[in-house]
Each structure stands twice: as C-alpha cells, then as structure tokens.
C-alpha cells in the first residue's frame, strides 16, 4: 500500500471516528477539540510545510519552530521533507 493511500485511509478513519463520536456523545467539548485539531492541522500543514519549508517566506521564533514541526507531523500529510523536494 502506497504512502498516499495510507494517509488517505488515516484521514478517512479519523473523520469517521469523529462522526461516530458526535452521535454517541454530542457535546461542545467534542466540537471544541475538533476546532483545535483543525487549527493544528492548518498550522502544521499549511504554515510550516508550505509557507516556511517550501517558500521560506518567514522565519519563526526559535520556540515556535519545534511546535510547528510537531503539528506538521501530527497532521499525517507526509514527511516535511516531501514538501520541500
């Protein structure tokens, strides 16, 4: 199974689990954590991988770079190296 198929499966599985959880225990906490997850995915995938690694359009503070790197790996969009290549 290729890496892109594994990533697609992981994303689909995560969405299905969240949908099932909303039917089992609908609450504002679930919605809040969902928004936090979306924010982390945007920071890791788009800001760090795309804007910083691919284009070098900004220089993050030294304490922020490891955090963005963590978010980038947690999103499941592939390695950061694949974004720059």
Protein backbone atom coordinates (compact mmCIF):
# COMPACT_ATOMS: atom_id res chain seq x y z
CA UNK A 1 0.00 0.00 0.00
CA UNK A 2 1.45 3.36 -1.00
CA UNK A 3 2.09 6.17 1.45
CA UNK A 4 -0.63 8.36 -0.05
CA UNK A 5 -3.19 5.56 0.36
CA UNK A 6 -2.20 5.12 4.00
CA UNK A 7 -2.57 8.86 4.60
CA UNK A 8 -5.98 8.89 2.88
CA UNK A 9 -7.09 5.92 4.98
CA UNK A 10 -5.93 7.60 8.20
CA UNK A 11 -7.78 10.82 7.35
CA UNK A 12 -10.95 8.90 6.46
CA UNK A 13 -10.75 6.82 9.63
CA UNK A 14 -10.30 9.93 11.78
CA UNK A 15 -13.33 11.60 10.20
CA UNK A 16 -15.48 8.51 10.64
CA UNK A 17 -14.47 8.21 14.30
CA UNK A 18 -15.34 11.84 14.94
CA UNK A 19 -18.72 11.44 13.23
CA UNK A 20 -19.46 8.34 15.29
CA UNK A 21 -18.40 10.13 18.47
CA UNK A 22 -20.74 13.01 17.70
CA UNK A 23 -23.67 10.58 17.55
CA UNK A 24 -22.62 8.78 20.74
CA UNK A 25 -21.73 11.82 22.86
CA UNK A 26 -22.65 15.13 21.21
CA UNK A 27 -21.17 17.93 23.26
CA UNK A 28 -19.42 21.25 22.90
CA UNK A 29 -16.20 19.64 24.12
CA UNK A 30 -16.10 17.42 21.04
CA UNK A 31 -16.73 20.39 18.78
CA UNK A 32 -14.06 22.40 20.60
CA UNK A 33 -11.44 19.69 20.28
CA UNK A 34 -12.37 19.33 16.62
CA UNK A 35 -11.66 23.03 16.08
CA UNK A 36 -8.35 22.71 17.93
CA UNK A 37 -7.45 19.81 15.63
CA UNK A 38 -8.30 21.83 12.54
CA UNK A 39 -6.20 24.75 13.80
CA UNK A 40 -3.24 22.46 14.49
CA UNK A 41 -3.58 20.89 11.04
CA UNK A 42 -3.61 24.31 9.37
CA UNK A 43 -0.60 25.50 11.35
CA UNK A 44 1.38 22.34 10.65
CA UNK A 45 0.39 21.61 7.08
CA UNK A 46 -0.06 24.99 5.52
CA UNK A 47 2.01 27.40 7.56
CA UNK A 48 5.02 25.21 8.41
CA UNK A 49 5.21 22.80 5.49
CA UNK A 50 4.05 25.08 2.72
CA UNK A 51 4.93 28.65 3.64
CA UNK A 52 8.06 28.03 5.73
CA UNK A 53 9.68 24.91 4.29
CA UNK A 54 8.68 25.23 0.65
CA UNK A 55 8.95 29.00 0.21
CA UNK A 56 10.93 30.26 3.23
CA UNK A 57 8.52 33.18 3.35
CA UNK A 58 9.03 33.84 7.06
CA UNK A 59 11.38 32.97 9.92
CA UNK A 60 9.62 31.57 13.02
CA UNK A 61 10.81 32.29 16.52
CA UNK A 62 13.13 29.59 17.93
CA UNK A 63 10.47 28.31 20.36
CA UNK A 64 7.79 28.17 17.65
CA UNK A 65 9.63 26.04 15.09
CA UNK A 66 9.57 22.75 17.10
CA UNK A 67 5.88 23.31 17.84
CA UNK A 68 5.07 23.82 14.15
CA UNK A 69 7.17 20.77 13.31
CA UNK A 70 5.14 18.71 15.80
CA UNK A 71 1.85 19.94 14.30
CA UNK A 72 3.14 19.16 10.81
CA UNK A 73 3.92 15.56 11.75
CA UNK A 74 0.68 15.14 13.70
CA UNK A 75 -1.48 16.07 10.70
CA UNK A 76 -0.50 12.98 8.75
CA UNK A 77 0.19 14.74 5.45
CA UNK A 78 3.52 13.04 4.92
CA UNK A 79 7.04 13.95 5.86
CA UNK A 80 8.15 17.55 5.93
CA UNK A 81 10.97 16.59 3.56
CA UNK A 82 8.47 15.61 0.86
CA UNK A 83 7.07 19.16 0.92
CA UNK A 84 10.42 20.71 0.13
CA UNK A 85 11.59 18.27 -2.52
